[in-house]
Amino acid sequence: MFGFAITATFVSYQLLTDSQSPIQRDSALMAVFVVLCPPSVLSVALDPEVGTNNYYFLWTLIALLNAGLYATIRALVSRRLQRPE
């Protein structure tokens, strides 16, 4: 859920600060989002138009990949913590 929520927040921020918005994007905040959502690099390579079906499909895929990444990290950490030394 955490990975999916990060991606949803990232997309919401992008939609809130699009080119027609009076609010400008903060570069530092965008960098934090990229660090927290590594699959978002896919959006740079494909660069769909904001608001199209391709845009939402791509970001749904990115959200699932990011959720999978965080689930994998959680599983690895929980296994590591459960092992007796």
N, C-alpha and C. Protein backbone atom coordinates (compact mmCIF):
# COMPACT_ATOMS: atom_id res chain seq x y z
N MET A 1 0.81 -1.20 0.00
CA MET A 1 0.00 0.00 0.00
C MET A 1 0.86 1.26 0.00
N PHE A 2 1.99 1.20 0.70
CA PHE A 2 2.85 2.39 0.81
C PHE A 2 3.38 2.80 -0.57
N GLY A 3 3.86 1.85 -1.35
CA GLY A 3 4.38 2.15 -2.68
C GLY A 3 3.32 2.70 -3.61
N PHE A 4 2.11 2.15 -3.51
CA PHE A 4 1.01 2.63 -4.33
C PHE A 4 0.62 4.04 -3.91
N ALA A 5 0.61 4.31 -2.60
CA ALA A 5 0.25 5.64 -2.10
C ALA A 5 1.27 6.69 -2.52
N ILE A 6 2.54 6.33 -2.52
CA ILE A 6 3.58 7.27 -2.96
C ILE A 6 3.35 7.65 -4.41
N THR A 7 3.07 6.65 -5.25
CA THR A 7 2.84 6.93 -6.67
C THR A 7 1.59 7.77 -6.86
N ALA A 8 0.53 7.48 -6.12
CA ALA A 8 -0.70 8.28 -6.22
C ALA A 8 -0.45 9.73 -5.82
N THR A 9 0.35 9.93 -4.79
CA THR A 9 0.69 11.29 -4.37
C THR A 9 1.53 11.99 -5.44
N PHE A 10 2.45 11.26 -6.04
CA PHE A 10 3.30 11.80 -7.10
C PHE A 10 2.45 12.25 -8.30
N VAL A 11 1.53 11.41 -8.73
CA VAL A 11 0.66 11.75 -9.87
C VAL A 11 -0.23 12.94 -9.52
N SER A 12 -0.75 12.95 -8.30
CA SER A 12 -1.60 14.08 -7.88
C SER A 12 -0.81 15.39 -7.90
N TYR A 13 0.43 15.33 -7.44
CA TYR A 13 1.28 16.53 -7.45
C TYR A 13 1.54 16.98 -8.89
N GLN A 14 1.78 16.03 -9.79
CA GLN A 14 2.01 16.39 -11.19
C GLN A 14 0.78 17.03 -11.80
N LEU A 15 -0.38 16.47 -11.52
CA LEU A 15 -1.62 17.03 -12.07
C LEU A 15 -1.92 18.40 -11.47
N LEU A 16 -1.60 18.58 -10.20
CA LEU A 16 -1.83 19.87 -9.53
C LEU A 16 -0.90 20.96 -10.07
N THR A 17 0.30 20.57 -10.47
CA THR A 17 1.30 21.54 -10.93
C THR A 17 1.60 21.41 -12.42
N ASP A 18 0.59 21.08 -13.22
CA ASP A 18 0.84 20.95 -14.66
C ASP A 18 1.13 22.31 -15.28
N SER A 19 1.36 22.32 -16.56
CA SER A 19 1.81 23.55 -17.24
C SER A 19 0.77 24.67 -17.21
N GLN A 20 -0.49 24.35 -17.04
CA GLN A 20 -1.53 25.38 -17.02
C GLN A 20 -1.85 25.88 -15.61
N SER A 21 -1.22 25.31 -14.62
CA SER A 21 -1.48 25.67 -13.23
C SER A 21 -0.62 26.87 -12.81
N PRO A 22 -1.16 27.73 -11.96
CA PRO A 22 -0.35 28.84 -11.45
C PRO A 22 0.71 28.38 -10.43
N ILE A 23 0.58 27.16 -9.94
CA ILE A 23 1.54 26.61 -8.97
C ILE A 23 2.70 25.99 -9.74
N GLN A 24 3.93 26.36 -9.39
CA GLN A 24 5.10 25.81 -10.06
C GLN A 24 5.62 24.59 -9.33
N ARG A 25 6.23 23.67 -10.09
CA ARG A 25 6.80 22.47 -9.49
C ARG A 25 8.10 22.79 -8.77
N ASP A 26 8.27 22.16 -7.63
CA ASP A 26 9.49 22.29 -6.84
C ASP A 26 10.44 21.16 -7.24
N SER A 27 11.63 21.51 -7.70
CA SER A 27 12.60 20.52 -8.17
C SER A 27 13.03 19.57 -7.06
N ALA A 28 13.19 20.07 -5.86
CA ALA A 28 13.61 19.21 -4.74
C ALA A 28 12.53 18.19 -4.42
N LEU A 29 11.28 18.61 -4.43
CA LEU A 29 10.18 17.69 -4.15
C LEU A 29 10.05 16.64 -5.26
N MET A 30 10.26 17.05 -6.50
CA MET A 30 10.23 16.09 -7.61
C MET A 30 11.35 15.06 -7.46
N ALA A 31 12.52 15.51 -7.02
CA ALA A 31 13.64 14.58 -6.81
C ALA A 31 13.32 13.58 -5.69
N VAL A 32 12.66 14.05 -4.64
CA VAL A 32 12.26 13.15 -3.55
C VAL A 32 11.27 12.10 -4.06
N PHE A 33 10.33 12.53 -4.87
CA PHE A 33 9.37 11.58 -5.45
C PHE A 33 10.07 10.54 -6.32
N VAL A 34 11.04 10.96 -7.10
CA VAL A 34 11.77 10.02 -7.96
C VAL A 34 12.55 9.02 -7.12
N VAL A 35 13.12 9.45 -6.01
CA VAL A 35 13.85 8.54 -5.12
C VAL A 35 12.88 7.55 -4.47
N LEU A 36 11.71 8.03 -4.04
CA LEU A 36 10.73 7.17 -3.39
C LEU A 36 9.97 6.29 -4.37
N CYS A 37 10.00 6.64 -5.65
CA CYS A 37 9.28 5.89 -6.67
C CYS A 37 10.20 5.66 -7.87
N PRO A 38 11.17 4.73 -7.73
CA PRO A 38 12.11 4.50 -8.83
C PRO A 38 11.47 4.10 -10.17
N PRO A 39 10.35 3.35 -10.19
CA PRO A 39 9.76 3.03 -11.49
C PRO A 39 9.24 4.25 -12.25
N SER A 40 9.18 5.41 -11.60
CA SER A 40 8.69 6.61 -12.29
C SER A 40 9.63 7.05 -13.41
N VAL A 41 10.82 6.51 -13.45
CA VAL A 41 11.76 6.82 -14.54
C VAL A 41 11.17 6.36 -15.87
N LEU A 42 10.27 5.37 -15.84
CA LEU A 42 9.60 4.93 -17.06
C LEU A 42 8.82 6.06 -17.72
N SER A 43 8.28 6.95 -16.91
CA SER A 43 7.49 8.05 -17.47
C SER A 43 8.35 9.01 -18.29
N VAL A 44 9.63 9.08 -17.97
CA VAL A 44 10.54 9.94 -18.74
C VAL A 44 10.78 9.34 -20.12
N ALA A 45 10.94 8.03 -20.15
CA ALA A 45 11.22 7.35 -21.41
C ALA A 45 10.02 7.37 -22.35
N LEU A 46 8.82 7.20 -21.80
CA LEU A 46 7.63 7.12 -22.65
C LEU A 46 6.92 8.46 -22.81
N ASP A 47 6.94 9.32 -21.80
CA ASP A 47 6.42 10.68 -21.82
C ASP A 47 5.06 10.84 -22.51
N PRO A 48 4.00 10.23 -21.94
CA PRO A 48 2.67 10.41 -22.53
C PRO A 48 2.08 11.78 -22.18
N GLU A 49 1.13 12.20 -22.94
CA GLU A 49 0.45 13.48 -22.71
C GLU A 49 -0.40 13.37 -21.44
N VAL A 50 -0.30 14.38 -20.57
CA VAL A 50 -1.03 14.37 -19.30
C VAL A 50 -2.53 14.36 -19.58
N GLY A 51 -3.25 13.47 -18.89
CA GLY A 51 -4.69 13.39 -19.02
C GLY A 51 -5.19 12.40 -20.05
N THR A 52 -4.31 11.80 -20.83
CA THR A 52 -4.74 10.80 -21.82
C THR A 52 -4.83 9.43 -21.18
N ASN A 53 -5.44 8.50 -21.89
CA ASN A 53 -5.53 7.12 -21.41
C ASN A 53 -4.15 6.50 -21.23
N ASN A 54 -3.23 6.81 -22.15
CA ASN A 54 -1.87 6.27 -22.04
C ASN A 54 -1.18 6.77 -20.77
N TYR A 55 -1.43 8.01 -20.40
CA TYR A 55 -0.85 8.58 -19.18
C TYR A 55 -1.32 7.80 -17.95
N TYR A 56 -2.62 7.60 -17.85
CA TYR A 56 -3.15 6.89 -16.69
C TYR A 56 -2.75 5.41 -16.68
N PHE A 57 -2.70 4.80 -17.85
CA PHE A 57 -2.25 3.40 -17.92
C PHE A 57 -0.80 3.28 -17.47
N LEU A 58 0.06 4.18 -17.95
CA LEU A 58 1.47 4.15 -17.57
C LEU A 58 1.64 4.34 -16.07
N TRP A 59 0.93 5.29 -15.49
CA TRP A 59 1.09 5.55 -14.06
C TRP A 59 0.45 4.46 -13.20
N THR A 60 -0.55 3.77 -13.73
CA THR A 60 -1.08 2.60 -13.02
C THR A 60 -0.03 1.50 -13.00
N LEU A 61 0.63 1.29 -14.12
CA LEU A 61 1.72 0.31 -14.19
C LEU A 61 2.86 0.70 -13.25
N ILE A 62 3.23 1.96 -13.23
CA ILE A 62 4.28 2.44 -12.33
C ILE A 62 3.87 2.23 -10.87
N ALA A 63 2.62 2.50 -10.54
CA ALA A 63 2.13 2.30 -9.17
C ALA A 63 2.23 0.83 -8.76
N LEU A 64 1.86 -0.07 -9.66
CA LEU A 64 1.95 -1.50 -9.35
C LEU A 64 3.40 -1.93 -9.18
N LEU A 65 4.28 -1.43 -10.03
CA LEU A 65 5.70 -1.76 -9.89
C LEU A 65 6.28 -1.22 -8.58
N ASN A 66 5.89 -0.01 -8.22
CA ASN A 66 6.39 0.58 -6.99
C ASN A 66 5.84 -0.16 -5.76
N ALA A 67 4.57 -0.55 -5.83
CA ALA A 67 3.98 -1.33 -4.73
C ALA A 67 4.70 -2.67 -4.60
N GLY A 68 5.01 -3.29 -5.73
CA GLY A 68 5.75 -4.56 -5.71
C GLY A 68 7.15 -4.38 -5.13
N LEU A 69 7.79 -3.29 -5.46
CA LEU A 69 9.12 -3.00 -4.93
C LEU A 69 9.09 -2.88 -3.40
N TYR A 70 8.13 -2.11 -2.89
CA TYR A 70 8.04 -1.94 -1.45
C TYR A 70 7.61 -3.23 -0.75
N ALA A 71 6.76 -4.04 -1.39
CA ALA A 71 6.36 -5.33 -0.81
C ALA A 71 7.57 -6.27 -0.74
N THR A 72 8.40 -6.25 -1.77
CA THR A 72 9.60 -7.09 -1.77
C THR A 72 10.57 -6.65 -0.68
N ILE A 73 10.76 -5.37 -0.55
CA ILE A 73 11.65 -4.85 0.50
C ILE A 73 11.12 -5.24 1.87
N ARG A 74 9.81 -5.12 2.08
CA ARG A 74 9.22 -5.48 3.37
C ARG A 74 9.40 -6.96 3.65
N ALA A 75 9.19 -7.81 2.64
CA ALA A 75 9.35 -9.25 2.83
C ALA A 75 10.79 -9.60 3.18
N LEU A 76 11.74 -8.98 2.50
CA LEU A 76 13.15 -9.24 2.78
C LEU A 76 13.54 -8.78 4.18
N VAL A 77 13.07 -7.63 4.58
CA VAL A 77 13.39 -7.11 5.91
C VAL A 77 12.75 -7.98 6.99
N SER A 78 11.50 -8.38 6.79
CA SER A 78 10.84 -9.20 7.81
C SER A 78 11.50 -10.58 7.92
N ARG A 79 11.95 -11.15 6.81
CA ARG A 79 12.69 -12.42 6.86
C ARG A 79 14.00 -12.25 7.61
N ARG A 80 14.66 -11.18 7.35
CA ARG A 80 15.95 -10.91 8.00
C ARG A 80 15.79 -10.76 9.51
N LEU A 81 14.69 -10.10 9.92
CA LEU A 81 14.45 -9.88 11.34
C LEU A 81 13.98 -11.16 12.06
N GLN A 82 13.38 -12.09 11.32
CA GLN A 82 12.87 -13.32 11.93
C GLN A 82 13.95 -14.39 12.10
N ARG A 83 15.06 -14.28 11.40
CA ARG A 83 16.13 -15.27 11.50
C ARG A 83 16.83 -15.18 12.85
N PRO A 84 16.97 -16.33 13.50
CA PRO A 84 17.78 -16.29 14.74
C PRO A 84 19.24 -16.23 14.38
N GLU A 85 19.95 -15.43 15.09
CA GLU A 85 21.40 -15.24 14.83
C GLU A 85 22.20 -16.37 15.42
